[in-house]
């Protein structure tokens, strides 16, 4: 098993429901980080992916969808419930 040097940390990864973003989320999860995943994905698909990541990586995973990234305060407000679900 790889070193879990990110244990106790939370990583919010944008675009993490597919492609490169999903690969980055998996790498951070393998390093022990709890995750908040984000992407343009339907609710049921997002929930299924969240559960898959939790099972595959053994970390807590929160899901937030369709966030506007232009204003930092909106990001923090929208991501807060998912971060709490991921252990923060």
N, C-alpha and C. Protein backbone atom coordinates (compact mmCIF):
# COMPACT_ATOMS: atom_id res chain seq x y z
N UNK A 1 0.84 -1.18 0.00
CA UNK A 1 0.00 0.00 0.00
C UNK A 1 0.88 1.24 0.00
N UNK A 2 0.51 2.23 -0.77
CA UNK A 2 1.26 3.47 -0.87
C UNK A 2 1.17 4.25 0.44
N UNK A 3 2.15 5.10 0.66
CA UNK A 3 2.13 5.98 1.82
C UNK A 3 0.90 6.88 1.75
N UNK A 4 0.24 7.05 2.87
CA UNK A 4 -0.97 7.86 2.91
C UNK A 4 -0.64 9.20 3.57
N UNK A 5 0.28 9.92 2.92
CA UNK A 5 0.79 11.16 3.48
C UNK A 5 -0.21 12.30 3.46
N UNK A 6 -1.35 12.13 2.80
CA UNK A 6 -2.39 13.16 2.80
C UNK A 6 -3.55 12.81 3.72
N UNK A 7 -3.38 11.80 4.57
CA UNK A 7 -4.43 11.41 5.51
C UNK A 7 -4.83 12.61 6.35
N UNK A 8 -6.14 12.81 6.52
CA UNK A 8 -6.65 13.92 7.31
C UNK A 8 -6.84 15.20 6.52
N UNK A 9 -6.44 15.21 5.26
CA UNK A 9 -6.62 16.38 4.40
C UNK A 9 -7.82 16.17 3.50
N UNK A 10 -8.37 17.26 2.96
CA UNK A 10 -9.47 17.18 2.00
C UNK A 10 -9.04 17.87 0.72
N UNK A 11 -9.24 17.20 -0.40
CA UNK A 11 -8.91 17.77 -1.70
C UNK A 11 -10.19 17.97 -2.50
N UNK A 12 -10.43 19.21 -2.96
CA UNK A 12 -11.53 19.49 -3.86
C UNK A 12 -10.94 19.48 -5.26
N UNK A 13 -11.40 18.55 -6.09
CA UNK A 13 -10.85 18.38 -7.43
C UNK A 13 -11.92 18.71 -8.45
N UNK A 14 -11.73 19.80 -9.19
CA UNK A 14 -12.71 20.16 -10.21
C UNK A 14 -12.54 19.26 -11.42
N UNK A 15 -13.63 18.99 -12.09
CA UNK A 15 -13.59 18.13 -13.26
C UNK A 15 -13.23 16.69 -12.95
N UNK A 16 -13.51 16.28 -11.73
CA UNK A 16 -13.04 14.97 -11.26
C UNK A 16 -14.00 13.83 -11.51
N UNK A 17 -15.04 14.08 -12.30
CA UNK A 17 -15.99 13.00 -12.59
C UNK A 17 -15.63 12.25 -13.87
N UNK A 18 -14.55 12.68 -14.54
CA UNK A 18 -14.11 11.96 -15.74
C UNK A 18 -12.68 12.37 -16.11
N UNK A 19 -12.07 11.59 -16.96
CA UNK A 19 -10.79 11.92 -17.57
C UNK A 19 -9.66 12.20 -16.60
N UNK A 20 -8.89 13.23 -16.93
CA UNK A 20 -7.71 13.59 -16.15
C UNK A 20 -8.09 13.94 -14.72
N UNK A 21 -9.20 14.68 -14.54
CA UNK A 21 -9.64 15.05 -13.20
C UNK A 21 -9.92 13.85 -12.32
N UNK A 22 -10.54 12.81 -12.91
CA UNK A 22 -10.82 11.59 -12.15
C UNK A 22 -9.51 10.90 -11.76
N UNK A 23 -8.55 10.92 -12.67
CA UNK A 23 -7.24 10.34 -12.36
C UNK A 23 -6.54 11.07 -11.24
N UNK A 24 -6.63 12.39 -11.24
CA UNK A 24 -6.03 13.20 -10.17
C UNK A 24 -6.71 12.89 -8.85
N UNK A 25 -8.06 12.82 -8.86
CA UNK A 25 -8.80 12.51 -7.63
C UNK A 25 -8.39 11.14 -7.09
N UNK A 26 -8.26 10.16 -7.97
CA UNK A 26 -7.85 8.82 -7.52
C UNK A 26 -6.45 8.86 -6.90
N UNK A 27 -5.53 9.59 -7.51
CA UNK A 27 -4.17 9.68 -6.97
C UNK A 27 -4.17 10.32 -5.59
N UNK A 28 -4.94 11.39 -5.43
CA UNK A 28 -5.01 12.05 -4.12
C UNK A 28 -5.67 11.14 -3.09
N UNK A 29 -6.71 10.41 -3.51
CA UNK A 29 -7.37 9.46 -2.60
C UNK A 29 -6.44 8.33 -2.18
N UNK A 30 -5.65 7.82 -3.12
CA UNK A 30 -4.68 6.77 -2.78
C UNK A 30 -3.64 7.27 -1.79
N UNK A 31 -3.37 8.59 -1.84
CA UNK A 31 -2.43 9.19 -0.90
C UNK A 31 -3.09 9.50 0.44
N UNK A 32 -4.39 9.18 0.57
CA UNK A 32 -5.07 9.31 1.85
C UNK A 32 -5.98 10.51 2.00
N UNK A 33 -6.04 11.40 1.00
CA UNK A 33 -6.89 12.58 1.11
C UNK A 33 -8.36 12.20 0.95
N UNK A 34 -9.21 12.75 1.81
CA UNK A 34 -10.64 12.68 1.56
C UNK A 34 -10.92 13.60 0.38
N UNK A 35 -11.97 13.33 -0.37
CA UNK A 35 -12.19 14.04 -1.62
C UNK A 35 -13.53 14.76 -1.67
N UNK A 36 -13.56 15.87 -2.39
CA UNK A 36 -14.78 16.48 -2.85
C UNK A 36 -14.66 16.46 -4.37
N UNK A 37 -15.52 15.68 -5.01
CA UNK A 37 -15.48 15.59 -6.46
C UNK A 37 -16.50 16.53 -7.06
N UNK A 38 -16.22 16.99 -8.27
CA UNK A 38 -17.05 18.00 -8.91
C UNK A 38 -17.00 17.77 -10.41
N UNK A 39 -18.13 17.95 -11.06
CA UNK A 39 -18.16 17.87 -12.51
C UNK A 39 -19.57 18.02 -13.04
N UNK A 40 -19.66 18.09 -14.34
CA UNK A 40 -20.95 18.21 -15.01
C UNK A 40 -21.49 16.80 -15.24
N UNK A 41 -22.22 16.32 -14.25
CA UNK A 41 -22.69 14.94 -14.26
C UNK A 41 -24.07 14.91 -13.61
N UNK A 42 -24.92 14.01 -14.05
CA UNK A 42 -26.26 13.90 -13.47
C UNK A 42 -26.17 13.39 -12.03
N UNK A 43 -27.17 13.74 -11.23
CA UNK A 43 -27.16 13.40 -9.81
C UNK A 43 -26.92 11.91 -9.55
N UNK A 44 -27.66 11.04 -10.21
CA UNK A 44 -27.53 9.60 -9.96
C UNK A 44 -26.14 9.10 -10.34
N UNK A 45 -25.61 9.60 -11.45
CA UNK A 45 -24.27 9.20 -11.88
C UNK A 45 -23.21 9.70 -10.90
N UNK A 46 -23.40 10.92 -10.43
CA UNK A 46 -22.46 11.49 -9.47
C UNK A 46 -22.45 10.72 -8.16
N UNK A 47 -23.62 10.34 -7.70
CA UNK A 47 -23.71 9.57 -6.45
C UNK A 47 -23.08 8.20 -6.62
N UNK A 48 -23.29 7.58 -7.77
CA UNK A 48 -22.68 6.27 -8.04
C UNK A 48 -21.15 6.40 -8.07
N UNK A 49 -20.65 7.45 -8.69
CA UNK A 49 -19.20 7.66 -8.74
C UNK A 49 -18.64 7.94 -7.35
N UNK A 50 -19.37 8.73 -6.56
CA UNK A 50 -18.94 9.02 -5.19
C UNK A 50 -18.78 7.73 -4.40
N UNK A 51 -19.77 6.85 -4.49
CA UNK A 51 -19.72 5.57 -3.78
C UNK A 51 -18.59 4.69 -4.31
N UNK A 52 -18.39 4.71 -5.62
CA UNK A 52 -17.30 3.92 -6.22
C UNK A 52 -15.94 4.39 -5.70
N UNK A 53 -15.73 5.70 -5.66
CA UNK A 53 -14.46 6.24 -5.15
C UNK A 53 -14.25 5.86 -3.69
N UNK A 54 -15.32 5.96 -2.88
CA UNK A 54 -15.19 5.60 -1.47
C UNK A 54 -14.77 4.14 -1.31
N UNK A 55 -15.41 3.26 -2.06
CA UNK A 55 -15.11 1.84 -1.97
C UNK A 55 -13.70 1.55 -2.50
N UNK A 56 -13.38 2.10 -3.64
CA UNK A 56 -12.10 1.85 -4.30
C UNK A 56 -10.92 2.42 -3.52
N UNK A 57 -11.09 3.62 -2.94
CA UNK A 57 -9.96 4.33 -2.34
C UNK A 57 -9.92 4.26 -0.82
N UNK A 58 -11.05 3.91 -0.19
CA UNK A 58 -11.08 3.82 1.26
C UNK A 58 -11.01 5.17 1.96
N UNK A 59 -11.55 6.21 1.31
CA UNK A 59 -11.59 7.55 1.90
C UNK A 59 -13.02 8.07 1.82
N UNK A 60 -13.30 9.15 2.57
CA UNK A 60 -14.60 9.79 2.48
C UNK A 60 -14.63 10.65 1.22
N UNK A 61 -15.79 10.67 0.55
CA UNK A 61 -15.92 11.44 -0.68
C UNK A 61 -17.22 12.23 -0.65
N UNK A 62 -17.11 13.54 -0.85
CA UNK A 62 -18.28 14.40 -1.00
C UNK A 62 -18.46 14.73 -2.47
N UNK A 63 -19.65 15.15 -2.85
CA UNK A 63 -19.97 15.46 -4.24
C UNK A 63 -20.62 16.82 -4.32
N UNK A 64 -20.13 17.66 -5.18
CA UNK A 64 -20.78 18.94 -5.47
C UNK A 64 -20.80 19.10 -6.98
N UNK A 65 -21.87 19.67 -7.48
CA UNK A 65 -22.05 19.72 -8.93
C UNK A 65 -22.33 21.13 -9.42
N UNK A 66 -21.92 21.37 -10.64
CA UNK A 66 -22.24 22.60 -11.37
C UNK A 66 -21.99 23.86 -10.55
N UNK A 67 -20.80 23.99 -10.03
CA UNK A 67 -20.45 25.18 -9.26
C UNK A 67 -19.94 26.26 -10.19
N UNK A 68 -20.31 27.52 -9.93
CA UNK A 68 -19.74 28.66 -10.66
C UNK A 68 -18.41 29.02 -10.02
N UNK A 69 -17.36 29.09 -10.80
CA UNK A 69 -16.01 29.28 -10.24
C UNK A 69 -15.53 30.72 -10.30
N UNK A 70 -16.40 31.67 -10.60
CA UNK A 70 -15.95 33.05 -10.76
C UNK A 70 -15.82 33.80 -9.44
N UNK A 71 -16.51 33.40 -8.43
CA UNK A 71 -16.49 34.12 -7.15
C UNK A 71 -16.13 33.16 -6.03
N UNK A 72 -15.02 33.44 -5.37
CA UNK A 72 -14.50 32.57 -4.32
C UNK A 72 -15.48 32.30 -3.19
N UNK A 73 -16.23 33.33 -2.77
CA UNK A 73 -17.15 33.13 -1.65
C UNK A 73 -18.25 32.14 -2.02
N UNK A 74 -18.69 32.15 -3.27
CA UNK A 74 -19.71 31.20 -3.70
C UNK A 74 -19.15 29.78 -3.71
N UNK A 75 -17.90 29.65 -4.09
CA UNK A 75 -17.26 28.33 -4.09
C UNK A 75 -17.24 27.77 -2.68
N UNK A 76 -16.77 28.59 -1.73
CA UNK A 76 -16.68 28.13 -0.34
C UNK A 76 -18.06 27.74 0.19
N UNK A 77 -19.07 28.56 -0.08
CA UNK A 77 -20.43 28.29 0.40
C UNK A 77 -20.98 27.01 -0.24
N UNK A 78 -20.80 26.85 -1.54
CA UNK A 78 -21.35 25.69 -2.23
C UNK A 78 -20.62 24.41 -1.86
N UNK A 79 -19.32 24.50 -1.60
CA UNK A 79 -18.53 23.31 -1.31
C UNK A 79 -18.59 22.89 0.16
N UNK A 80 -19.03 23.78 1.05
CA UNK A 80 -18.99 23.49 2.49
C UNK A 80 -19.69 22.19 2.87
N UNK A 81 -20.93 21.93 2.40
CA UNK A 81 -21.56 20.65 2.80
C UNK A 81 -20.79 19.43 2.32
N UNK A 82 -20.23 19.50 1.12
CA UNK A 82 -19.47 18.37 0.61
C UNK A 82 -18.17 18.19 1.38
N UNK A 83 -17.54 19.29 1.75
CA UNK A 83 -16.31 19.19 2.54
C UNK A 83 -16.60 18.56 3.90
N UNK A 84 -17.74 18.94 4.49
CA UNK A 84 -18.11 18.31 5.76
C UNK A 84 -18.35 16.83 5.58
N UNK A 85 -18.96 16.44 4.45
CA UNK A 85 -19.18 15.03 4.16
C UNK A 85 -17.87 14.29 3.94
N UNK A 86 -16.83 15.03 3.52
CA UNK A 86 -15.53 14.42 3.28
C UNK A 86 -14.62 14.52 4.50
N UNK A 87 -15.16 14.97 5.60
CA UNK A 87 -14.38 14.96 6.84
C UNK A 87 -13.83 16.28 7.30
N UNK A 88 -14.29 17.39 6.74
CA UNK A 88 -13.82 18.71 7.18
C UNK A 88 -14.95 19.58 7.61
